N, C-alpha and C. Protein backbone atom coordinates (compact mmCIF):
# COMPACT_ATOMS: atom_id res chain seq x y z
N SER A 1 124.57 94.58 100.73
CA SER A 1 124.67 93.12 100.70
C SER A 1 123.74 92.58 99.71
N ASP A 2 124.11 91.41 99.18
CA ASP A 2 123.41 90.85 98.17
C ASP A 2 122.32 89.76 98.60
N GLY A 3 122.22 89.75 99.93
CA GLY A 3 121.26 88.70 100.55
C GLY A 3 121.81 87.38 100.66
N SER A 4 123.05 87.13 100.29
CA SER A 4 123.61 85.73 100.50
C SER A 4 123.94 85.52 101.98
N LEU A 5 124.02 84.25 102.42
CA LEU A 5 124.33 83.90 103.63
C LEU A 5 125.72 84.36 104.00
N GLN A 6 125.84 85.03 105.09
CA GLN A 6 127.17 85.42 105.53
C GLN A 6 127.72 84.44 106.56
N SER A 7 128.95 84.73 106.94
CA SER A 7 129.61 83.85 107.97
C SER A 7 128.82 83.66 109.20
N PRO A 8 128.79 82.47 109.81
CA PRO A 8 128.05 82.30 111.01
C PRO A 8 128.61 83.21 112.14
N ARG A 9 127.71 83.63 113.06
CA ARG A 9 128.12 84.46 114.25
C ARG A 9 128.64 83.42 115.21
N ILE A 10 129.01 84.00 116.35
CA ILE A 10 129.57 83.24 117.53
C ILE A 10 128.47 82.24 117.97
N ASP A 11 127.23 82.67 117.93
CA ASP A 11 126.10 81.82 118.44
C ASP A 11 125.65 80.69 117.37
N ASN A 12 126.33 80.76 116.28
CA ASN A 12 126.01 79.77 115.07
C ASN A 12 124.77 79.99 114.41
N LEU A 13 124.02 81.14 114.64
CA LEU A 13 122.89 81.53 113.94
C LEU A 13 123.29 82.22 112.69
N PRO A 14 122.73 81.89 111.55
CA PRO A 14 123.16 82.52 110.30
C PRO A 14 122.69 83.98 110.35
N ARG A 15 123.51 84.87 109.63
CA ARG A 15 123.12 86.31 109.31
C ARG A 15 122.84 86.48 107.94
N THR A 16 121.89 87.32 107.57
CA THR A 16 121.67 87.66 106.30
C THR A 16 121.49 89.26 106.17
N ASN A 17 121.09 89.72 105.10
CA ASN A 17 120.91 91.21 104.84
C ASN A 17 119.69 91.70 105.51
N VAL A 18 119.01 90.91 106.23
CA VAL A 18 117.83 91.32 106.97
C VAL A 18 118.08 91.58 108.39
N GLU A 19 119.24 91.76 108.87
CA GLU A 19 119.59 91.97 110.22
C GLU A 19 118.85 93.18 110.86
N GLY A 20 118.22 93.08 111.89
CA GLY A 20 117.47 94.11 112.49
C GLY A 20 115.96 94.08 112.07
N CYS A 21 115.57 93.13 111.31
CA CYS A 21 114.25 93.03 110.72
C CYS A 21 113.53 91.94 111.60
N CYS A 22 113.18 92.22 112.86
CA CYS A 22 112.59 91.28 113.67
C CYS A 22 111.31 91.80 114.27
N TRP A 23 110.17 91.21 113.94
CA TRP A 23 108.92 91.68 114.26
C TRP A 23 107.99 90.68 114.54
N TRP A 24 106.79 90.92 115.33
CA TRP A 24 105.85 89.96 115.58
C TRP A 24 104.99 89.84 114.39
N GLY A 25 104.08 88.83 114.43
CA GLY A 25 103.29 88.43 113.31
C GLY A 25 102.24 89.42 112.87
N ARG A 26 102.06 89.60 111.50
CA ARG A 26 101.19 90.44 110.96
C ARG A 26 100.55 89.73 109.67
N GLY A 27 99.33 90.07 109.32
CA GLY A 27 98.61 89.56 108.14
C GLY A 27 98.00 88.36 108.41
N VAL A 28 97.45 87.71 107.31
CA VAL A 28 96.53 86.57 107.46
C VAL A 28 97.33 85.31 107.96
N ILE A 29 98.58 85.26 107.68
CA ILE A 29 99.31 84.10 108.08
C ILE A 29 100.27 84.37 109.14
N GLN A 30 100.19 85.64 109.65
CA GLN A 30 101.12 86.10 110.78
C GLN A 30 102.54 86.07 110.38
N THR A 31 102.88 86.84 109.38
CA THR A 31 104.38 86.88 108.94
C THR A 31 105.12 87.32 110.19
N THR A 32 106.15 86.57 110.57
CA THR A 32 106.90 86.83 111.74
C THR A 32 108.37 86.67 111.49
N GLY A 33 109.18 87.40 112.15
CA GLY A 33 110.65 87.21 112.23
C GLY A 33 111.38 87.97 111.10
N ARG A 34 112.63 88.18 111.39
CA ARG A 34 113.45 88.99 110.45
C ARG A 34 113.74 88.30 109.09
N CYS A 35 113.80 87.01 109.08
CA CYS A 35 114.07 86.35 107.81
C CYS A 35 112.80 86.47 106.93
N ASN A 36 111.65 86.15 107.56
CA ASN A 36 110.42 86.15 106.72
C ASN A 36 110.09 87.58 106.29
N PHE A 37 110.23 88.58 107.04
CA PHE A 37 110.02 89.89 106.71
C PHE A 37 111.10 90.45 105.69
N GLY A 38 112.27 89.84 105.88
CA GLY A 38 113.41 90.25 104.86
C GLY A 38 113.17 89.57 103.47
N ARG A 39 112.71 88.35 103.48
CA ARG A 39 112.42 87.60 102.20
C ARG A 39 111.25 88.34 101.48
N LEU A 40 110.24 88.73 102.29
CA LEU A 40 109.06 89.43 101.67
C LEU A 40 109.62 90.78 101.12
N ASN A 41 110.41 91.51 101.82
CA ASN A 41 111.04 92.80 101.41
C ASN A 41 111.81 92.59 100.15
N LYS A 42 112.63 91.57 100.09
CA LYS A 42 113.48 91.35 99.02
C LYS A 42 112.82 90.89 97.72
N ASN A 43 111.62 90.29 97.89
CA ASN A 43 110.85 89.75 96.79
C ASN A 43 109.74 90.66 96.20
N ILE A 44 109.02 91.37 97.20
CA ILE A 44 107.95 92.20 96.73
C ILE A 44 107.94 93.63 97.21
N GLY A 45 108.92 93.89 98.13
CA GLY A 45 108.95 95.26 98.71
C GLY A 45 110.19 96.08 98.19
N ALA A 46 110.59 97.04 98.93
CA ALA A 46 111.62 98.06 98.53
C ALA A 46 112.95 97.25 98.18
N GLY A 47 113.23 96.22 98.82
CA GLY A 47 114.47 95.51 98.57
C GLY A 47 114.41 94.83 97.17
N ALA A 48 113.28 94.73 96.49
CA ALA A 48 113.27 94.20 95.20
C ALA A 48 113.44 95.20 94.07
N GLY A 49 113.59 96.52 94.44
CA GLY A 49 113.74 97.48 93.45
C GLY A 49 112.39 98.11 92.96
N SER A 50 112.62 98.98 91.89
CA SER A 50 111.59 99.74 91.40
C SER A 50 110.41 98.93 90.69
N ASN A 51 110.73 97.75 90.23
CA ASN A 51 109.73 96.97 89.50
C ASN A 51 108.94 95.98 90.53
N ALA A 52 109.21 96.15 91.76
CA ALA A 52 108.55 95.27 92.81
C ALA A 52 107.04 95.54 92.83
N LEU A 53 106.26 94.63 93.43
CA LEU A 53 104.89 94.81 93.57
C LEU A 53 104.67 95.99 94.58
N TYR A 54 105.46 96.12 95.58
CA TYR A 54 105.33 97.26 96.47
C TYR A 54 106.64 97.92 96.72
N PRO A 55 107.18 98.60 95.67
CA PRO A 55 108.50 99.22 95.81
C PRO A 55 108.74 100.25 96.88
N GLU A 56 107.54 100.89 97.26
CA GLU A 56 107.72 101.99 98.25
C GLU A 56 107.64 101.45 99.68
N ILE A 57 107.40 100.16 99.94
CA ILE A 57 107.25 99.65 101.21
C ILE A 57 108.52 98.84 101.60
N ASN A 58 109.19 99.25 102.67
CA ASN A 58 110.24 98.47 103.25
C ASN A 58 109.68 97.70 104.43
N PHE A 59 109.49 96.48 104.26
CA PHE A 59 108.93 95.63 105.31
C PHE A 59 109.75 95.53 106.55
N CYS A 60 111.04 95.63 106.39
CA CYS A 60 111.94 95.56 107.52
C CYS A 60 111.78 96.66 108.52
N SER A 61 111.74 97.88 107.94
CA SER A 61 111.64 99.07 108.81
C SER A 61 110.26 99.39 109.06
N ASN A 62 109.23 98.84 108.34
CA ASN A 62 107.76 99.16 108.61
C ASN A 62 107.01 97.89 108.40
N PRO A 63 107.10 96.90 109.28
CA PRO A 63 106.37 95.64 109.16
C PRO A 63 104.80 95.94 109.15
N GLN A 64 104.50 97.03 109.95
CA GLN A 64 103.07 97.24 110.06
C GLN A 64 102.37 97.59 108.78
N ALA A 65 103.14 97.86 107.78
CA ALA A 65 102.62 98.08 106.44
C ALA A 65 101.69 96.98 105.95
N ILE A 66 101.98 95.83 106.43
CA ILE A 66 101.16 94.61 106.08
C ILE A 66 99.82 94.88 106.57
N CYS A 67 99.53 95.53 107.62
CA CYS A 67 98.25 95.73 108.12
C CYS A 67 97.72 97.13 107.76
N GLU A 68 98.56 98.06 107.60
CA GLU A 68 98.09 99.49 107.31
C GLU A 68 98.26 99.95 105.84
N GLY A 69 98.91 99.11 105.01
CA GLY A 69 99.18 99.41 103.61
C GLY A 69 98.04 99.10 102.76
N PRO A 70 98.19 98.90 101.44
CA PRO A 70 97.14 98.55 100.59
C PRO A 70 96.34 97.34 101.31
N SER A 71 94.88 97.31 101.08
CA SER A 71 94.11 96.31 101.70
C SER A 71 94.42 94.94 101.24
N ASP A 72 94.97 94.81 100.05
CA ASP A 72 95.34 93.41 99.56
C ASP A 72 96.67 92.88 100.13
N LEU A 73 97.36 93.79 100.85
CA LEU A 73 98.69 93.31 101.23
C LEU A 73 98.71 92.25 102.27
N ARG A 74 97.78 92.32 103.18
CA ARG A 74 97.82 91.26 104.31
C ARG A 74 97.70 89.85 103.68
N TRP A 75 96.88 89.77 102.52
CA TRP A 75 96.66 88.58 101.81
C TRP A 75 97.80 88.20 100.98
N ILE A 76 98.30 89.20 100.23
CA ILE A 76 99.54 88.88 99.35
C ILE A 76 100.66 88.35 100.26
N ALA A 77 100.89 89.01 101.39
CA ALA A 77 101.99 88.47 102.29
C ALA A 77 101.65 87.09 102.69
N GLY A 78 100.51 86.75 103.08
CA GLY A 78 100.17 85.36 103.47
C GLY A 78 100.34 84.36 102.28
N ILE A 79 99.83 84.77 101.12
CA ILE A 79 100.02 83.94 99.95
C ILE A 79 101.51 83.76 99.61
N PHE A 80 102.28 84.83 99.65
CA PHE A 80 103.75 84.69 99.38
C PHE A 80 104.36 83.68 100.28
N PHE A 81 104.03 83.76 101.72
CA PHE A 81 104.60 82.71 102.59
C PHE A 81 104.06 81.23 102.21
N TRP A 82 102.77 81.15 101.90
CA TRP A 82 102.33 79.86 101.63
C TRP A 82 102.98 79.21 100.45
N VAL A 83 103.15 80.07 99.44
CA VAL A 83 103.71 79.54 98.04
C VAL A 83 105.22 79.33 98.35
N THR A 84 105.90 80.03 99.04
CA THR A 84 107.31 79.87 99.16
C THR A 84 107.72 78.96 100.30
N GLU A 85 106.88 78.64 101.24
CA GLU A 85 107.30 77.75 102.38
C GLU A 85 106.39 76.50 102.53
N VAL A 86 105.14 76.72 102.34
CA VAL A 86 104.25 75.50 102.63
C VAL A 86 104.15 74.66 101.31
N GLU A 87 103.75 75.28 100.18
CA GLU A 87 103.59 74.43 98.92
C GLU A 87 104.87 73.78 98.50
N LYS A 88 105.97 74.26 98.83
CA LYS A 88 107.30 73.66 98.32
C LYS A 88 107.74 72.52 99.19
N TYR A 89 107.05 72.28 100.29
CA TYR A 89 107.49 71.29 101.26
C TYR A 89 107.23 69.88 100.71
N ASP A 90 108.19 69.06 100.85
CA ASP A 90 108.15 67.59 100.36
C ASP A 90 106.88 67.05 101.00
N GLY A 91 105.97 66.40 100.19
CA GLY A 91 104.83 65.75 100.68
C GLY A 91 103.54 66.67 100.59
N TYR A 92 103.77 67.85 100.33
CA TYR A 92 102.63 68.76 100.29
C TYR A 92 101.64 68.36 99.15
N LYS A 93 102.06 67.96 97.94
CA LYS A 93 101.19 67.58 96.98
C LYS A 93 100.40 66.30 97.30
N GLN A 94 101.10 65.52 97.88
CA GLN A 94 100.44 64.14 98.36
C GLN A 94 99.36 64.40 99.35
N TRP A 95 99.58 65.38 100.35
CA TRP A 95 98.58 65.71 101.33
C TRP A 95 97.41 66.36 100.66
N VAL A 96 97.67 67.13 99.73
CA VAL A 96 96.44 67.79 98.94
C VAL A 96 95.72 66.67 98.23
N ASP A 97 96.36 65.80 97.47
CA ASP A 97 95.74 64.73 96.74
C ASP A 97 95.04 63.79 97.82
N ASP A 98 95.52 63.50 98.97
CA ASP A 98 94.93 62.70 99.89
C ASP A 98 93.59 63.40 100.49
N PHE A 99 93.63 64.76 100.56
CA PHE A 99 92.63 65.64 101.02
C PHE A 99 91.35 65.45 100.02
N ILE A 100 91.74 65.62 98.79
CA ILE A 100 90.81 65.44 97.66
C ILE A 100 90.18 64.16 97.56
N ASP A 101 91.03 63.10 97.60
CA ASP A 101 90.63 61.67 97.47
C ASP A 101 89.65 61.28 98.63
N ALA A 102 89.90 61.82 99.85
CA ALA A 102 89.03 61.51 100.96
C ALA A 102 87.77 62.19 100.90
N GLY A 103 87.52 63.07 99.96
CA GLY A 103 86.19 63.76 99.92
C GLY A 103 86.13 65.01 100.73
N CYS A 104 87.29 65.64 101.15
CA CYS A 104 87.37 66.68 102.14
C CYS A 104 87.03 67.99 101.33
N THR A 105 87.09 68.01 100.01
CA THR A 105 86.63 69.32 99.30
C THR A 105 85.13 69.46 99.51
N GLU A 106 84.37 68.37 99.60
CA GLU A 106 82.94 68.53 99.82
C GLU A 106 82.64 68.53 101.38
N ASN A 107 83.35 67.79 102.16
CA ASN A 107 83.07 67.70 103.62
C ASN A 107 84.35 67.73 104.37
N PRO A 108 84.82 68.91 104.66
CA PRO A 108 86.07 69.07 105.40
C PRO A 108 86.04 68.59 106.84
N ASP A 109 84.81 68.26 107.36
CA ASP A 109 84.63 67.87 108.74
C ASP A 109 85.01 66.40 108.92
N LEU A 110 85.30 65.64 107.93
CA LEU A 110 85.77 64.22 108.07
C LEU A 110 87.10 64.25 108.84
N ALA A 111 87.33 63.23 109.66
CA ALA A 111 88.50 63.16 110.41
C ALA A 111 89.75 63.06 109.53
N GLU A 112 89.61 62.45 108.40
CA GLU A 112 90.76 62.32 107.35
C GLU A 112 91.21 63.73 106.86
N CYS A 113 90.43 64.66 106.98
CA CYS A 113 90.84 65.93 106.53
C CYS A 113 91.72 66.79 107.40
N ASP A 114 91.78 66.32 108.62
CA ASP A 114 92.60 67.06 109.70
C ASP A 114 94.14 67.02 109.29
N THR A 115 94.56 65.99 108.63
CA THR A 115 96.01 65.85 108.27
C THR A 115 96.59 67.10 107.52
N LEU A 116 95.92 67.43 106.45
CA LEU A 116 96.40 68.52 105.63
C LEU A 116 96.48 69.77 106.48
N PHE A 117 95.44 70.04 107.30
CA PHE A 117 95.42 71.28 108.18
C PHE A 117 96.53 71.18 109.25
N LYS A 118 96.70 69.95 109.75
CA LYS A 118 97.65 69.81 110.92
C LYS A 118 99.21 70.08 110.35
N TYR A 119 99.48 69.41 109.13
CA TYR A 119 100.75 69.56 108.63
C TYR A 119 101.03 70.93 108.19
N ALA A 120 100.00 71.66 107.54
CA ALA A 120 100.21 72.97 107.09
C ALA A 120 100.46 73.91 108.31
N SER A 121 99.76 73.61 109.48
CA SER A 121 99.93 74.42 110.68
C SER A 121 101.34 74.17 111.25
N GLY A 122 101.84 72.99 111.32
CA GLY A 122 103.26 72.71 111.60
C GLY A 122 104.23 73.49 110.84
N ILE A 123 104.09 73.50 109.56
CA ILE A 123 104.90 74.20 108.69
C ILE A 123 104.93 75.62 108.87
N VAL A 124 103.83 76.21 108.97
CA VAL A 124 103.65 77.69 109.20
C VAL A 124 104.10 78.09 110.51
N ASN A 125 103.86 77.32 111.59
CA ASN A 125 104.17 77.65 112.96
C ASN A 125 105.58 77.29 113.39
N ARG A 126 106.06 76.09 112.84
CA ARG A 126 107.44 75.60 113.36
C ARG A 126 108.38 75.26 112.18
N GLY A 127 107.91 75.23 111.01
CA GLY A 127 108.88 74.90 109.96
C GLY A 127 108.99 73.52 109.47
N CYS A 128 108.09 72.65 110.02
CA CYS A 128 107.96 71.19 109.50
C CYS A 128 106.62 70.72 109.78
N PRO A 129 106.17 69.79 109.14
CA PRO A 129 104.77 69.23 109.14
C PRO A 129 104.37 68.68 110.50
N ASP A 130 105.19 68.02 111.16
CA ASP A 130 104.83 67.29 112.42
C ASP A 130 105.97 67.60 113.46
N PRO A 131 105.92 68.77 114.09
CA PRO A 131 107.02 68.97 115.01
C PRO A 131 106.95 68.26 116.36
N GLY A 132 105.90 67.54 116.60
CA GLY A 132 105.83 66.72 117.77
C GLY A 132 105.95 67.62 119.02
N GLU A 133 106.32 67.10 120.14
CA GLU A 133 106.46 67.94 121.41
C GLU A 133 107.82 68.67 121.55
N THR A 134 108.77 68.25 120.77
CA THR A 134 110.15 68.84 120.97
C THR A 134 110.55 69.80 119.85
N GLY A 135 109.73 69.84 118.76
CA GLY A 135 109.97 70.67 117.65
C GLY A 135 110.61 69.96 116.39
N CYS A 136 110.79 70.62 115.38
CA CYS A 136 111.34 70.07 114.12
C CYS A 136 112.77 69.65 114.29
N PRO A 137 113.31 68.79 113.47
CA PRO A 137 114.72 68.43 113.46
C PRO A 137 115.49 69.80 113.16
N ASN A 138 116.64 69.87 113.86
CA ASN A 138 117.48 71.08 113.74
C ASN A 138 116.83 72.49 114.16
N CYS A 139 115.82 72.30 115.03
CA CYS A 139 115.10 73.55 115.48
C CYS A 139 116.10 74.42 116.33
N ILE A 140 115.79 75.64 116.35
CA ILE A 140 116.62 76.53 117.20
C ILE A 140 116.02 76.66 118.59
N PRO A 141 116.72 76.24 119.67
CA PRO A 141 116.29 76.34 121.01
C PRO A 141 115.88 77.75 121.32
N GLY A 142 114.64 77.85 121.88
CA GLY A 142 114.10 79.20 122.30
C GLY A 142 113.46 79.90 121.12
N ALA A 143 113.43 79.26 119.96
CA ALA A 143 112.88 80.05 118.85
C ALA A 143 111.79 79.11 118.16
N THR A 144 112.30 77.97 117.70
CA THR A 144 111.32 77.18 116.87
C THR A 144 111.21 75.85 117.43
N CYS A 145 111.74 75.47 118.53
CA CYS A 145 111.54 74.11 119.20
C CYS A 145 110.22 74.12 119.91
N GLY A 146 109.61 72.93 120.07
CA GLY A 146 108.40 72.86 120.71
C GLY A 146 107.34 72.46 119.73
N PRO A 147 106.20 72.17 120.29
CA PRO A 147 105.04 71.72 119.42
C PRO A 147 104.45 72.95 118.77
N ALA A 148 103.71 72.75 117.62
CA ALA A 148 102.98 73.87 116.88
C ALA A 148 101.93 74.34 117.87
N HIS A 149 101.77 75.58 117.84
CA HIS A 149 100.80 76.21 118.77
C HIS A 149 99.27 76.00 118.29
N ASN A 150 98.44 75.63 119.20
CA ASN A 150 96.93 75.63 118.91
C ASN A 150 96.50 74.87 117.70
N VAL A 151 97.08 73.67 117.48
CA VAL A 151 96.68 72.89 116.32
C VAL A 151 95.31 72.60 116.25
N PRO A 152 94.61 72.17 117.29
CA PRO A 152 93.18 71.91 117.21
C PRO A 152 92.39 73.14 116.77
N GLU A 153 92.77 74.30 117.25
CA GLU A 153 92.20 75.55 116.91
C GLU A 153 92.39 75.91 115.39
N ARG A 154 93.57 75.63 115.05
CA ARG A 154 94.00 75.88 113.62
C ARG A 154 93.22 75.01 112.65
N ILE A 155 93.03 73.75 113.07
CA ILE A 155 92.28 72.79 112.24
C ILE A 155 90.80 73.30 112.19
N ALA A 156 90.28 73.76 113.22
CA ALA A 156 88.90 74.11 113.45
C ALA A 156 88.66 75.43 112.47
N ALA A 157 89.58 76.31 112.57
CA ALA A 157 89.58 77.55 111.75
C ALA A 157 89.73 77.32 110.27
N SER A 158 90.57 76.36 109.95
CA SER A 158 90.75 75.96 108.56
C SER A 158 89.51 75.31 107.94
N LYS A 159 88.83 74.57 108.79
CA LYS A 159 87.52 73.92 108.38
C LYS A 159 86.47 74.94 108.25
N GLN A 160 86.37 75.94 109.15
CA GLN A 160 85.48 77.06 109.05
C GLN A 160 85.72 77.79 107.83
N GLY A 161 87.06 78.11 107.53
CA GLY A 161 87.39 78.82 106.28
C GLY A 161 86.89 78.02 104.99
N LYS A 162 87.20 76.87 105.01
CA LYS A 162 86.76 76.03 103.84
C LYS A 162 85.17 76.04 103.73
N HIS A 163 84.42 75.95 104.81
CA HIS A 163 82.96 76.06 104.76
C HIS A 163 82.56 77.38 104.18
N THR A 164 83.18 78.47 104.69
CA THR A 164 82.83 79.86 104.35
C THR A 164 83.07 80.06 102.85
N ILE A 165 84.30 79.67 102.40
CA ILE A 165 84.59 79.72 100.94
C ILE A 165 83.48 78.91 100.09
N ALA A 166 83.32 77.66 100.49
CA ALA A 166 82.27 76.93 99.67
C ALA A 166 80.93 77.44 99.73
N ASN A 167 80.44 78.00 100.92
CA ASN A 167 79.22 78.57 100.93
C ASN A 167 78.99 79.89 100.26
N ASN A 168 80.04 80.64 99.89
CA ASN A 168 80.07 81.92 99.33
C ASN A 168 80.51 81.98 97.91
N LEU A 169 80.87 80.87 97.44
CA LEU A 169 81.60 80.85 96.07
C LEU A 169 80.43 80.69 95.07
N CYS A 170 80.43 81.56 94.12
CA CYS A 170 79.42 81.47 93.06
C CYS A 170 80.13 81.07 91.80
N LEU A 171 79.88 79.98 91.30
CA LEU A 171 80.54 79.60 89.98
C LEU A 171 79.49 79.84 88.86
N CYS A 172 79.60 81.06 88.31
CA CYS A 172 78.47 81.44 87.38
C CYS A 172 78.94 81.23 86.00
């Protein structure tokens, strides 16, 4: 299969060439689900051919490779998801600009800084920046509906990560 969307199934969920690629989260951003692992495989893994970044790794049949493969892979997988899903989201550039304009690069503990982390958490966890209590528009019941998980904890972890990077970055 070429990876194009196939005819809907009886349950109206789309099928793609990543059928059977269904796994729990792995890596720094917790890559989860057959479509995310399938996209990863098709773009940087065995599904991308011999010129792929990791041509010997089939993420659909071996998702644990994110954790057990080359040490950079857990970060590459997270960055891949961030670039292909979070950064392309409408409004992302404005949220980053607002974050910078509010002084959050120097002090991420300001209340105004929570918005970027909250919206990024919603996109990563549910597929939209502010899923509310019922989920994103057009969510799949039982799969992506409902609020984003642990948003206060995600915001705190993002702020801690920002502090860690700032405190350990040497601009020589």
